[in-house]
Amino acid sequence: ICEGSNWKKMSIAFDETGRPFIIVREQDKKERLKGIEAVKANIAAAKAVSRTLRSSLGPKGMDKMLQNQDGEVTVTNDGATILQQMDLQHQIAKLMVELSKAQDDEIGDGTTGVVVLCGALLERAERLIDQGIHPSRVSEGYETACDLSTELLERISDEITLNDTKLTEMKKVAMTTLNSKIVNRFKDKLADICVSAVTSVADFERKDVNLDLIKVEGKVGGKLEDTNLVNGILAIDKDFSHPQMPRRVEDAKICILTCPFEPPKPKTKHKLEIDSVEKYKDMQKAEMEYFQDMVNKVKDSGANLVICQWGFDDEANHLLYKAGLPAVRWVGGVEIELIALATGGRIIPRFSEIAPEKLGRAGIVKEVHFGTTRDRMIVLEECAKSKAVTIFVRGGNQMILEEAKRSIHDALCIVRNLVVDNRIVYGGGAAEIACSNYVAEKMNEIPGVEQHAVGAFSEALDSVVMALAENSGLNPIESLGEIKARQANEKNVHLGIDCMGLGESDMKKQNVFESLQSKQKQLQHATQMCRMILKIDDVIQPSQYE
């Protein structure tokens, strides 16, 4: 490159004929990290994210308070929510958010643990790189150790019985998930609700659960204890159109209308002149007959409830009340479709098309009131064509309500996973310690440099257990050493950290259960993300504003 020329501002090379060509334009305006420097910078970014979540791990983990640009405050210890709310700039930090989201999408729980484990793996990898081991060899060793750990988890897992009568173990797994949330005081009731919701929509033969059939709705007010399971859908944020209409309809035959209760209007411009009392009375009589005819058509079809997408005036409202037809008006298009699907009814666009076979059916339709507020909702229970259920959450304020919804979502996902795969392992760090001991034992059988990486994987698993003990107010090194020694000597893989201080280290007796699928995915996701980060050795990015 010639001194004094503009060529020194860009990366260039020469082809076989000696002609220069540009590789990276405006090199001086870009920041570039290469080789080990790039790997270490990426590891530092990932470790920073991991350290943020480390204190939120486990049942005694701390909560984080996050404020967004609009001033809304979120208090949570859910890993996926914390990372999504954080305004992260570094690309590797954003990858950690994706890691947490992948765990949340696939499993629903373990979002904090997977990020903490990934951070611990990268911390150990940095030490090995400092000792001169190539990042590729480290990632290969981690892959080997991950395979060993998932194999062991399958061997030490227990199967739980799944049927409609015996759901105790399923409830215990849901309680373990809820134990680390803000709502853990009511974990017993919430676990019951989550298990009932999943089992009512589950197809045990196909081992499949459609979570779309479980709606989680919430209203501010009341207490968390008031949360309940509705065997149907809380479809409409409305009330009955007339204050004297009955507030409860049993064995409801529902006429679902998308046409308004009013006389037809000509589409052309028109002018109506009324110059006498008689003509006015005639017009009023004709209008009354229109309304009466509409109400009679609905009544003759056998319907005992009207749900209308449009409004109707006081005249129609009065006639419906007189005819003993409770009605709900101004129901949105989405809700109308949902009600039609759930009740097996047809949406009727014209009064002339009303017929008995087009009516939807539900066991009970009732109006629900909320405390001293004027909020009302219409509840449809025992719908004819749907097994849909609604978990109706109450809470003192919006923040608690949102956190309760997130906690219930996690518990629902874990129970869903048990229907798909009914194998469990034991929590409290018992599974991690068992894997750590097993991997450390197998380490000496692995030839080559990968042996060191396998040992580092074992240490990273110990680091997660130490974080669990530390967050529970215990001495992390002492607790880990004691449980590792006891597991090895007593050959009992159920021993873990007594986070709740119950004086019992056997997690089977403490009923601390975790889904096998969740634990395996945590190990696999963390290892894959770690391998991806270790393989990046060149980072080119625009420099910061001067």
Protein backbone atom coordinates (compact mmCIF):
# COMPACT_ATOMS: atom_id res chain seq x y z
CA ILE A 1 0.00 0.00 0.00
CA CYS A 2 1.47 3.36 -1.01
CA GLU A 3 2.08 5.89 1.74
CA GLY A 4 0.12 9.10 1.30
CA SER A 5 -2.48 7.47 -0.93
CA ASN A 6 -6.11 6.83 -0.06
CA TRP A 7 -5.46 3.10 -0.30
CA LYS A 8 -4.28 2.93 3.30
CA LYS A 9 -7.89 3.67 4.42
CA MET A 10 -9.17 0.38 3.09
CA SER A 11 -8.23 -3.31 3.02
CA ILE A 12 -7.00 -4.24 -0.46
CA ALA A 13 -5.42 -7.23 -2.17
CA PHE A 14 -3.92 -7.89 -5.61
CA ASP A 15 -5.11 -10.38 -8.20
CA GLU A 16 -2.79 -12.59 -10.34
CA THR A 17 -2.16 -9.73 -12.83
CA GLY A 18 -1.15 -7.30 -10.08
CA ARG A 19 -4.32 -5.20 -10.17
CA PRO A 20 -5.56 -4.09 -6.72
CA PHE A 21 -9.12 -4.72 -5.53
CA ILE A 22 -10.92 -3.62 -2.35
CA ILE A 23 -11.89 -6.13 0.33
CA VAL A 24 -13.39 -3.86 3.01
CA ARG A 25 -14.29 -0.30 2.01
CA GLU A 26 -13.81 2.58 4.48
CA GLN A 27 -11.77 0.42 6.83
CA ASP A 28 -10.95 3.40 9.09
CA LYS A 29 -14.67 3.95 9.77
CA LYS A 30 -15.20 0.40 11.03
CA GLU A 31 -14.23 -1.35 14.25
CA ARG A 32 -12.79 -4.78 13.78
CA LEU A 33 -11.88 -7.49 16.27
CA LYS A 34 -10.12 -10.61 15.09
CA GLY A 35 -9.05 -13.96 16.51
CA ILE A 36 -8.90 -14.56 20.25
CA GLU A 37 -9.68 -10.89 20.96
CA ALA A 38 -13.06 -11.25 19.22
CA VAL A 39 -13.84 -14.49 21.08
CA LYS A 40 -13.00 -12.90 24.44
CA ALA A 41 -15.07 -9.76 23.72
CA ASN A 42 -18.06 -11.95 22.84
CA ILE A 43 -17.60 -14.07 25.97
CA ALA A 44 -17.45 -10.90 28.12
CA ALA A 45 -20.79 -9.66 26.68
CA ALA A 46 -22.50 -13.02 27.26
CA LYS A 47 -21.11 -13.25 30.82
CA ALA A 48 -22.47 -9.78 31.63
CA VAL A 49 -26.00 -10.88 30.65
CA SER A 50 -25.63 -14.15 32.56
CA ARG A 51 -24.48 -12.34 35.73
CA THR A 52 -27.62 -10.17 35.60
CA LEU A 53 -29.87 -13.25 35.75
CA ARG A 54 -27.72 -15.30 38.14
CA SER A 55 -29.28 -13.76 41.27
CA SER A 56 -32.81 -14.60 39.98
CA LEU A 57 -32.22 -18.39 39.89
CA GLY A 58 -34.20 -20.70 42.12
CA PRO A 59 -37.10 -20.40 44.59
CA LYS A 60 -35.32 -17.74 46.68
CA GLY A 61 -34.04 -15.83 43.62
CA MET A 62 -34.34 -12.04 43.60
CA ASP A 63 -36.75 -10.10 41.38
CA LYS A 64 -35.77 -7.44 38.87
CA MET A 65 -37.59 -4.15 38.39
CA LEU A 66 -37.58 -2.89 34.81
CA GLN A 67 -38.97 0.37 33.48
CA ASN A 68 -39.68 0.82 29.78
CA GLN A 69 -39.60 4.04 27.74
CA ASP A 70 -43.29 4.71 28.50
CA GLY A 71 -42.62 4.57 32.23
CA GLU A 72 -44.39 1.22 32.75
CA VAL A 73 -42.79 -0.81 35.54
CA THR A 74 -42.39 -4.60 35.41
CA VAL A 75 -41.30 -6.62 38.46
CA THR A 76 -40.39 -10.22 37.59
CA ASN A 77 -37.82 -12.98 37.99
CA ASP A 78 -38.75 -14.73 34.75
CA GLY A 79 -35.57 -14.89 32.66
CA ALA A 80 -37.25 -14.49 29.26
CA THR A 81 -39.25 -11.43 30.40
CA ILE A 82 -36.20 -9.74 31.99
CA LEU A 83 -34.10 -10.14 28.84
CA GLN A 84 -36.88 -9.00 26.51
CA GLN A 85 -37.42 -5.84 28.58
CA MET A 86 -33.67 -5.00 28.76
CA ASP A 87 -32.43 -2.63 26.07
CA LEU A 88 -29.37 -4.61 24.90
CA GLN A 89 -27.10 -3.25 22.17
CA HIS A 90 -24.35 -5.88 21.84
CA GLN A 91 -25.09 -8.55 19.23
CA ILE A 92 -23.92 -11.42 21.46
CA ALA A 93 -26.13 -10.11 24.30
CA LYS A 94 -29.04 -10.20 21.83
CA LEU A 95 -28.16 -13.85 21.08
CA MET A 96 -28.59 -14.59 24.80
CA VAL A 97 -32.08 -13.08 24.58
CA GLU A 98 -32.79 -15.43 21.65
CA LEU A 99 -31.49 -18.35 23.74
CA SER A 100 -33.90 -17.53 26.56
CA LYS A 101 -36.76 -17.07 24.05
CA ALA A 102 -36.00 -20.44 22.41
CA GLN A 103 -36.28 -22.15 25.82
CA ASP A 104 -39.49 -20.23 26.56
CA ASP A 105 -41.08 -21.10 23.19
CA GLU A 106 -40.17 -24.77 23.28
CA ILE A 107 -40.52 -25.61 26.98
CA GLY A 108 -42.01 -22.57 28.74
CA ASP A 109 -39.80 -22.83 31.84
CA GLY A 110 -36.09 -22.87 32.69
CA THR A 111 -35.41 -19.56 30.92
CA THR A 112 -33.18 -18.24 33.75
CA GLY A 113 -31.28 -21.52 34.24
CA VAL A 114 -30.37 -21.86 30.56
CA VAL A 115 -28.77 -18.38 30.45
CA VAL A 116 -26.90 -18.92 33.74
CA LEU A 117 -25.55 -22.27 32.46
CA CYS A 118 -24.46 -20.73 29.15
CA GLY A 119 -22.60 -17.96 31.03
CA ALA A 120 -20.87 -20.53 33.25
CA LEU A 121 -19.80 -22.59 30.21
CA LEU A 122 -18.35 -19.52 28.47
CA GLU A 123 -16.50 -18.48 31.65
CA ARG A 124 -14.78 -21.89 31.78
CA ALA A 125 -14.12 -21.76 28.03
CA GLU A 126 -12.27 -18.46 28.46
CA ARG A 127 -9.88 -20.07 30.95
CA LEU A 128 -9.20 -22.95 28.56
CA ILE A 129 -8.55 -20.51 25.68
CA ASP A 130 -6.07 -18.63 27.93
CA GLN A 131 -4.26 -21.95 28.41
CA GLY A 132 -3.83 -22.19 24.62
CA ILE A 133 -6.66 -24.61 23.74
CA HIS A 134 -8.37 -23.76 20.46
CA PRO A 135 -12.06 -22.66 20.74
CA SER A 136 -13.11 -25.41 18.26
CA ARG A 137 -11.67 -28.10 20.51
CA VAL A 138 -13.44 -26.59 23.52
CA SER A 139 -16.81 -26.62 21.74
CA GLU A 140 -16.29 -30.26 20.65
CA GLY A 141 -15.57 -31.21 24.26
CA TYR A 142 -18.71 -29.42 25.42
CA GLU A 143 -20.79 -31.30 22.85
CA THR A 144 -19.41 -34.64 24.13
CA ALA A 145 -20.14 -33.69 27.75
CA CYS A 146 -23.69 -32.54 26.84
CA ASP A 147 -24.39 -35.92 25.18
CA LEU A 148 -23.13 -37.75 28.30
CA SER A 149 -25.35 -35.58 30.55
CA THR A 150 -28.55 -36.06 28.51
CA GLU A 151 -27.95 -39.84 28.42
CA LEU A 152 -27.57 -39.90 32.22
CA LEU A 153 -30.73 -37.78 32.72
CA GLU A 154 -32.73 -40.35 30.73
CA ARG A 155 -31.36 -43.15 32.91
CA ILE A 156 -32.07 -41.46 36.26
CA SER A 157 -35.51 -40.12 35.25
CA ASP A 158 -38.74 -41.52 36.72
CA GLU A 159 -42.06 -41.93 34.94
CA ILE A 160 -45.22 -40.50 36.46
CA THR A 161 -48.70 -41.90 35.91
CA LEU A 162 -51.03 -39.77 33.83
CA ASN A 163 -54.75 -40.30 33.98
CA ASP A 164 -57.83 -38.29 34.89
CA THR A 165 -57.94 -39.60 38.47
CA LYS A 166 -54.32 -39.55 39.63
CA LEU A 167 -52.80 -36.14 38.94
CA THR A 168 -50.82 -35.64 42.18
CA GLU A 169 -47.37 -35.93 40.58
CA MET A 170 -48.37 -33.59 37.78
CA LYS A 171 -49.46 -31.06 40.38
CA LYS A 172 -46.12 -31.40 42.20
CA VAL A 173 -44.21 -30.55 39.00
CA ALA A 174 -46.43 -27.47 38.48
CA MET A 175 -45.81 -26.44 42.11
CA THR A 176 -42.03 -26.69 41.59
CA THR A 177 -42.33 -24.31 38.63
CA LEU A 178 -44.50 -21.83 40.57
CA ASN A 179 -42.21 -22.03 43.63
CA SER A 180 -39.72 -19.55 42.14
CA LYS A 181 -42.38 -16.98 41.18
CA ILE A 182 -43.93 -14.02 43.00
CA VAL A 183 -47.18 -16.02 43.28
CA ASN A 184 -45.53 -18.89 45.22
CA ARG A 185 -47.76 -18.27 48.30
CA PHE A 186 -50.71 -19.62 46.31
CA LYS A 187 -48.80 -22.29 44.37
CA ASP A 188 -51.08 -25.05 45.67
CA LYS A 189 -54.29 -23.55 44.26
CA LEU A 190 -52.66 -22.26 41.05
CA ALA A 191 -51.05 -25.67 40.38
CA ASP A 192 -54.48 -27.30 40.79
CA ILE A 193 -56.00 -24.82 38.31
CA CYS A 194 -53.18 -25.34 35.75
CA VAL A 195 -53.39 -29.16 35.94
CA SER A 196 -57.21 -29.09 35.66
CA ALA A 197 -57.01 -26.73 32.67
CA VAL A 198 -54.47 -28.87 30.77
CA THR A 199 -56.17 -32.20 31.51
CA SER A 200 -59.56 -30.85 30.41
CA VAL A 201 -58.22 -30.01 26.92
CA ALA A 202 -55.55 -32.76 26.62
CA ASP A 203 -55.75 -35.68 24.21
CA PHE A 204 -54.03 -38.42 26.25
CA GLU A 205 -54.18 -40.97 23.43
CA ARG A 206 -52.27 -38.76 20.98
CA LYS A 207 -50.21 -37.19 23.82
CA ASP A 208 -51.11 -33.74 22.58
CA VAL A 209 -52.32 -30.52 24.21
CA ASN A 210 -53.62 -27.52 22.28
CA LEU A 211 -52.77 -24.59 24.57
CA ASP A 212 -54.85 -22.28 22.32
CA LEU A 213 -57.91 -23.82 23.99
CA ILE A 214 -56.75 -22.42 27.35
CA LYS A 215 -57.41 -18.70 27.59
CA VAL A 216 -55.73 -16.70 30.40
CA GLU A 217 -57.77 -13.58 31.18
CA GLY A 218 -57.33 -11.11 34.01
CA LYS A 219 -59.03 -8.21 35.75
CA VAL A 220 -57.43 -5.84 38.24
CA GLY A 221 -59.11 -6.06 41.65
CA GLY A 222 -59.70 -8.78 44.17
CA LYS A 223 -56.96 -11.08 45.47
CA LEU A 224 -54.80 -13.74 43.85
CA GLU A 225 -56.83 -16.31 45.81
CA ASP A 226 -59.87 -15.26 43.75
CA THR A 227 -58.24 -16.69 40.60
CA ASN A 228 -60.46 -19.47 39.26
CA LEU A 229 -60.96 -21.84 36.36
CA VAL A 230 -64.00 -21.27 34.15
CA ASN A 231 -65.19 -24.33 32.26
CA GLY A 232 -65.93 -22.36 29.12
CA ILE A 233 -64.97 -18.97 27.71
CA LEU A 234 -64.95 -15.51 29.20
CA ALA A 235 -65.69 -14.18 25.78
CA ILE A 236 -67.33 -10.81 26.12
CA ASP A 237 -66.39 -7.75 28.13
CA LYS A 238 -70.06 -6.66 28.06
CA ASP A 239 -73.28 -6.92 30.06
CA PHE A 240 -76.95 -7.67 29.24
CA SER A 241 -78.60 -4.82 27.33
CA HIS A 242 -81.55 -4.26 29.72
CA PRO A 243 -81.08 -3.88 33.51
CA GLN A 244 -84.14 -6.08 34.22
CA MET A 245 -83.11 -8.99 31.97
CA PRO A 246 -82.11 -12.19 33.83
CA ARG A 247 -78.41 -12.37 34.67
CA ARG A 248 -78.19 -16.14 34.17
CA VAL A 249 -79.49 -18.29 31.31
CA GLU A 250 -79.33 -22.09 31.63
CA ASP A 251 -79.42 -24.47 28.64
CA ALA A 252 -78.83 -21.46 26.40
CA LYS A 253 -79.86 -21.60 22.74
CA ILE A 254 -77.96 -18.66 21.27
CA CYS A 255 -78.98 -16.65 18.20
CA ILE A 256 -75.77 -15.01 16.89
CA LEU A 257 -76.67 -11.98 14.75
CA THR A 258 -74.59 -9.61 12.62
CA CYS A 259 -77.64 -7.52 11.54
CA PRO A 260 -78.98 -4.61 13.63
CA PHE A 261 -82.37 -4.57 15.39
CA GLU A 262 -83.76 -1.61 13.44
CA PRO A 263 -86.03 -0.97 10.44
CA PRO A 264 -84.36 -1.27 7.02
CA LYS A 265 -82.99 1.95 5.53
CA PRO A 266 -83.27 2.71 1.79
CA LYS A 267 -79.88 2.92 0.09
CA THR A 268 -81.03 5.84 -2.07
CA LYS A 269 -81.59 9.40 -0.82
CA HIS A 270 -85.09 9.89 0.46
CA LYS A 271 -87.26 12.55 2.09
CA LEU A 272 -90.24 11.72 4.29
CA GLU A 273 -92.86 14.40 4.90
CA ILE A 274 -95.26 13.97 7.81
CA ASP A 275 -97.91 16.69 7.97
CA SER A 276 -100.48 15.14 10.31
CA VAL A 277 -100.73 13.21 13.58
CA GLU A 278 -102.31 10.23 11.79
CA LYS A 279 -99.33 9.85 9.42
CA TYR A 280 -96.92 10.03 12.37
CA LYS A 281 -98.89 7.31 14.18
CA ASP A 282 -98.90 5.17 11.03
CA MET A 283 -95.14 5.49 10.75
CA GLN A 284 -94.70 4.60 14.43
CA LYS A 285 -96.99 1.59 14.02
CA ALA A 286 -95.04 0.38 10.94
CA GLU A 287 -91.77 0.71 12.86
CA MET A 288 -93.26 -1.19 15.80
CA GLU A 289 -94.39 -3.98 13.48
CA TYR A 290 -90.85 -4.25 12.05
CA PHE A 291 -89.41 -4.62 15.54
CA GLN A 292 -92.11 -7.07 16.62
CA ASP A 293 -91.56 -9.15 13.49
CA MET A 294 -87.79 -9.34 14.19
CA VAL A 295 -88.33 -10.38 17.82
CA ASN A 296 -90.94 -12.98 16.78
CA LYS A 297 -88.55 -14.55 14.24
CA VAL A 298 -85.91 -14.94 16.95
CA LYS A 299 -88.47 -16.26 19.46
CA ASP A 300 -90.00 -18.73 16.97
CA SER A 301 -86.60 -20.30 16.28
CA GLY A 302 -86.46 -21.48 19.89
CA ALA A 303 -83.64 -19.11 20.92
CA ASN A 304 -83.52 -17.93 24.53
CA LEU A 305 -80.48 -15.61 24.19
CA VAL A 306 -79.49 -13.04 21.52
CA ILE A 307 -75.91 -11.97 20.89
CA CYS A 308 -75.74 -9.12 18.37
CA GLN A 309 -72.72 -7.50 16.72
CA TRP A 310 -74.59 -4.19 16.37
CA GLY A 311 -76.60 -2.04 18.75
CA PHE A 312 -80.37 -1.61 18.97
CA ASP A 313 -82.47 1.26 20.26
CA ASP A 314 -84.64 1.38 23.36
CA GLU A 315 -87.76 0.24 21.48
CA ALA A 316 -86.14 -3.03 20.37
CA ASN A 317 -84.53 -3.46 23.78
CA HIS A 318 -87.92 -3.11 25.49
CA LEU A 319 -89.59 -5.59 23.12
CA LEU A 320 -86.79 -8.15 23.69
CA TYR A 321 -87.22 -7.76 27.45
CA LYS A 322 -91.03 -8.14 27.15
CA ALA A 323 -90.56 -11.27 25.01
CA GLY A 324 -88.25 -12.78 27.67
CA LEU A 325 -85.20 -12.74 25.39
CA PRO A 326 -82.00 -11.68 27.20
CA ALA A 327 -79.68 -9.90 24.76
CA VAL A 328 -76.08 -8.70 24.54
CA ARG A 329 -75.22 -5.93 22.05
CA TRP A 330 -72.08 -4.37 20.53
CA VAL A 331 -70.10 -7.63 20.62
CA GLY A 332 -66.88 -7.43 18.56
CA GLY A 333 -66.34 -9.47 15.39
CA VAL A 334 -63.55 -11.61 16.92
CA GLU A 335 -65.69 -12.49 19.95
CA ILE A 336 -68.66 -13.28 17.68
CA GLU A 337 -66.52 -15.79 15.74
CA LEU A 338 -65.15 -17.32 18.96
CA ILE A 339 -68.66 -17.76 20.37
CA ALA A 340 -69.89 -19.30 17.09
CA LEU A 341 -67.00 -21.81 17.08
CA ALA A 342 -67.38 -22.73 20.74
CA THR A 343 -71.18 -23.09 20.77
CA GLY A 344 -71.52 -24.70 17.33
CA GLY A 345 -73.81 -21.90 16.13
CA ARG A 346 -73.93 -20.16 12.74
CA ILE A 347 -73.44 -16.42 12.34
CA ILE A 348 -76.75 -15.10 10.92
CA PRO A 349 -76.53 -12.00 8.68
CA ARG A 350 -80.29 -11.49 8.05
CA PHE A 351 -83.44 -12.03 10.11
CA SER A 352 -85.01 -13.99 7.24
CA GLU A 353 -82.30 -16.67 7.64
CA ILE A 354 -82.92 -17.44 11.32
CA ALA A 355 -83.56 -21.17 11.80
CA PRO A 356 -83.42 -23.57 14.81
CA GLU A 357 -80.47 -25.54 13.36
CA LYS A 358 -78.34 -22.36 13.24
CA LEU A 359 -78.51 -21.72 16.99
CA GLY A 360 -75.46 -22.20 19.20
CA ARG A 361 -75.71 -24.06 22.50
CA ALA A 362 -74.11 -23.57 25.93
CA GLY A 363 -74.90 -25.04 29.34
CA ILE A 364 -74.82 -21.74 31.27
CA VAL A 365 -74.47 -18.12 30.19
CA LYS A 366 -74.14 -15.67 33.07
CA GLU A 367 -73.05 -12.14 33.85
CA VAL A 368 -70.19 -11.78 36.34
CA HIS A 369 -69.65 -8.67 38.51
CA PHE A 370 -66.34 -7.59 40.04
CA GLY A 371 -66.41 -6.23 43.56
CA THR A 372 -67.31 -2.57 43.94
CA THR A 373 -66.29 -1.74 40.38
CA ARG A 374 -68.84 -1.57 37.58
CA ASP A 375 -66.88 -4.03 35.44
CA ARG A 376 -68.95 -6.89 34.09
CA MET A 377 -68.23 -9.86 31.84
CA ILE A 378 -70.38 -12.47 30.13
CA VAL A 379 -69.28 -16.05 30.82
CA LEU A 380 -70.22 -18.96 28.53
CA GLU A 381 -69.81 -22.34 30.23
CA GLU A 382 -70.19 -25.93 28.99
CA CYS A 383 -70.11 -24.93 25.32
CA ALA A 384 -71.38 -27.60 22.93
CA LYS A 385 -68.52 -27.76 20.42
CA SER A 386 -65.45 -26.83 22.42
CA LYS A 387 -63.44 -28.06 25.36
CA ALA A 388 -62.09 -24.52 25.80
CA VAL A 389 -61.44 -23.32 29.35
CA THR A 390 -60.47 -19.93 30.77
CA ILE A 391 -58.21 -19.22 33.73
CA PHE A 392 -59.54 -15.98 35.20
CA VAL A 393 -56.78 -14.23 37.15
CA ARG A 394 -57.36 -11.53 39.77
CA GLY A 395 -54.73 -9.27 41.33
CA GLY A 396 -54.36 -6.08 43.35
CA ASN A 397 -52.68 -4.16 40.54
CA GLN A 398 -51.68 -4.53 36.89
CA MET A 399 -48.08 -5.49 37.74
CA ILE A 400 -49.10 -8.42 39.96
CA LEU A 401 -51.72 -9.46 37.41
CA GLU A 402 -49.19 -9.61 34.54
CA GLU A 403 -46.64 -11.54 36.66
CA ALA A 404 -49.35 -14.02 37.73
CA LYS A 405 -50.27 -14.56 34.05
CA ARG A 406 -46.59 -15.22 33.17
CA SER A 407 -46.26 -17.68 36.07
CA ILE A 408 -49.42 -19.53 35.04
CA HIS A 409 -48.18 -19.68 31.43
CA ASP A 410 -44.93 -21.35 32.62
CA ALA A 411 -46.85 -23.87 34.74
CA LEU A 412 -49.26 -24.67 31.87
CA CYS A 413 -46.31 -25.31 29.52
CA ILE A 414 -44.61 -27.64 32.00
CA VAL A 415 -47.81 -29.66 32.57
CA ARG A 416 -48.28 -29.78 28.77
CA ASN A 417 -44.74 -31.19 28.46
CA LEU A 418 -45.60 -33.94 30.95
CA VAL A 419 -48.55 -35.01 28.81
CA VAL A 420 -46.18 -35.23 25.82
CA ASP A 421 -43.36 -36.93 27.80
CA ASN A 422 -44.25 -38.07 31.33
CA ARG A 423 -40.66 -38.54 32.58
CA ILE A 424 -39.33 -36.35 35.41
CA VAL A 425 -36.01 -35.65 37.14
CA TYR A 426 -35.50 -34.09 40.56
CA GLY A 427 -34.81 -30.40 41.09
CA GLY A 428 -32.85 -28.44 43.70
CA GLY A 429 -29.66 -28.99 41.67
CA ALA A 430 -29.89 -32.79 42.11
CA ALA A 431 -29.89 -33.46 38.34
CA GLU A 432 -26.99 -31.02 37.73
CA ILE A 433 -24.86 -32.56 40.50
CA ALA A 434 -25.56 -36.08 39.20
CA CYS A 435 -24.52 -35.00 35.68
CA SER A 436 -21.44 -33.19 37.02
CA ASN A 437 -20.26 -36.28 38.95
CA TYR A 438 -20.90 -38.54 35.96
CA VAL A 439 -19.15 -36.26 33.45
CA ALA A 440 -16.14 -35.84 35.79
CA GLU A 441 -15.96 -39.63 36.14
CA LYS A 442 -16.05 -40.15 32.34
CA MET A 443 -13.56 -37.33 31.68
CA ASN A 444 -10.47 -39.53 31.97
CA GLU A 445 -11.82 -41.93 29.32
CA ILE A 446 -11.85 -39.16 26.69
CA PRO A 447 -8.57 -38.78 24.80
CA GLY A 448 -7.01 -35.52 23.58
CA VAL A 449 -7.51 -31.90 24.51
CA GLU A 450 -11.30 -32.32 24.65
CA GLN A 451 -10.79 -33.96 28.05
CA HIS A 452 -10.17 -30.51 29.59
CA ALA A 453 -13.34 -29.12 28.01
CA VAL A 454 -15.38 -32.05 29.40
CA GLY A 455 -13.98 -31.27 32.86
CA ALA A 456 -14.91 -27.60 32.37
CA PHE A 457 -18.50 -28.63 31.52
CA SER A 458 -18.66 -30.48 34.85
CA GLU A 459 -17.43 -27.35 36.67
CA ALA A 460 -20.03 -25.19 34.88
CA LEU A 461 -22.83 -27.47 36.11
CA ASP A 462 -21.44 -27.07 39.66
CA SER A 463 -21.48 -23.29 39.16
CA VAL A 464 -25.26 -23.37 38.51
CA VAL A 465 -25.81 -25.33 41.76
CA MET A 466 -23.60 -22.85 43.65
CA ALA A 467 -25.75 -19.96 42.34
CA LEU A 468 -28.85 -21.82 43.60
CA ALA A 469 -27.29 -22.25 47.08
CA GLU A 470 -26.02 -18.66 47.17
CA ASN A 471 -29.47 -17.24 46.33
CA SER A 472 -30.95 -19.35 49.14
CA GLY A 473 -28.60 -17.74 51.70
CA LEU A 474 -26.39 -20.84 52.09
CA ASN A 475 -22.63 -21.16 51.85
CA PRO A 476 -22.29 -22.15 48.16
CA ILE A 477 -18.96 -24.02 48.28
CA GLU A 478 -19.79 -25.90 51.48
CA SER A 479 -23.31 -26.87 50.29
CA LEU A 480 -22.06 -28.06 46.90
CA GLY A 481 -19.18 -30.09 48.39
CA GLU A 482 -21.46 -31.79 50.91
CA ILE A 483 -24.15 -32.79 48.37
CA LYS A 484 -21.60 -33.96 45.75
CA ALA A 485 -19.90 -36.18 48.34
CA ARG A 486 -23.22 -37.57 49.60
CA GLN A 487 -24.45 -38.34 46.07
CA ALA A 488 -21.21 -40.21 45.32
CA ASN A 489 -21.11 -42.11 48.63
CA GLU A 490 -24.82 -42.92 49.03
CA LYS A 491 -25.40 -43.52 45.26
CA ASN A 492 -28.56 -41.40 45.60
CA VAL A 493 -29.12 -39.04 42.64
CA HIS A 494 -32.13 -37.44 44.34
CA LEU A 495 -30.01 -35.39 46.76
CA GLY A 496 -29.97 -31.65 46.11
CA ILE A 497 -29.72 -28.23 47.77
CA ASP A 498 -32.28 -27.66 50.54
CA CYS A 499 -33.25 -24.17 49.31
CA MET A 500 -36.38 -23.94 51.49
CA GLY A 501 -34.56 -24.92 54.72
CA LEU A 502 -36.79 -27.91 55.43
CA GLY A 503 -33.92 -30.01 56.81
CA GLU A 504 -34.26 -32.63 54.03
CA SER A 505 -31.86 -32.87 51.07
CA ASP A 506 -33.75 -35.65 49.27
CA MET A 507 -35.67 -33.84 46.54
CA LYS A 508 -37.95 -36.85 46.01
CA LYS A 509 -39.21 -36.51 49.59
CA GLN A 510 -39.44 -32.71 49.20
CA ASN A 511 -41.54 -33.23 46.02
CA VAL A 512 -39.27 -30.99 43.92
CA PHE A 513 -39.92 -32.39 40.43
CA GLU A 514 -38.84 -31.07 37.03
CA SER A 515 -39.74 -32.23 33.55
CA LEU A 516 -36.98 -34.32 31.92
CA GLN A 517 -37.65 -32.57 28.62
CA SER A 518 -37.07 -29.16 30.25
CA LYS A 519 -33.75 -30.15 31.81
CA GLN A 520 -32.43 -31.81 28.64
CA LYS A 521 -33.36 -28.79 26.50
CA GLN A 522 -31.60 -26.47 28.96
CA LEU A 523 -28.35 -28.39 28.54
CA GLN A 524 -28.69 -28.68 24.76
CA HIS A 525 -29.68 -25.04 24.15
CA ALA A 526 -26.91 -23.69 26.41
CA THR A 527 -24.27 -25.93 24.75
CA GLN A 528 -25.36 -25.00 21.22
CA MET A 529 -25.32 -21.27 22.02
CA CYS A 530 -21.88 -21.63 23.62
CA ARG A 531 -20.55 -23.41 20.53
CA MET A 532 -21.96 -20.69 18.28
CA ILE A 533 -20.28 -17.90 20.30
CA LEU A 534 -16.92 -19.72 20.43
CA LYS A 535 -16.90 -20.13 16.64
CA ILE A 536 -17.05 -16.34 15.96
CA ASP A 537 -13.48 -15.09 15.46
CA ASP A 538 -13.99 -11.90 13.42
CA VAL A 539 -16.32 -9.03 14.27
CA ILE A 540 -16.73 -6.12 11.85
CA GLN A 541 -19.06 -3.33 12.91
CA PRO A 542 -19.52 0.42 12.32
CA SER A 543 -17.54 2.50 14.81
CA GLN A 544 -19.39 4.56 17.41
CA TYR A 545 -20.28 8.19 16.69
CA GLU A 546 -17.36 10.48 17.41
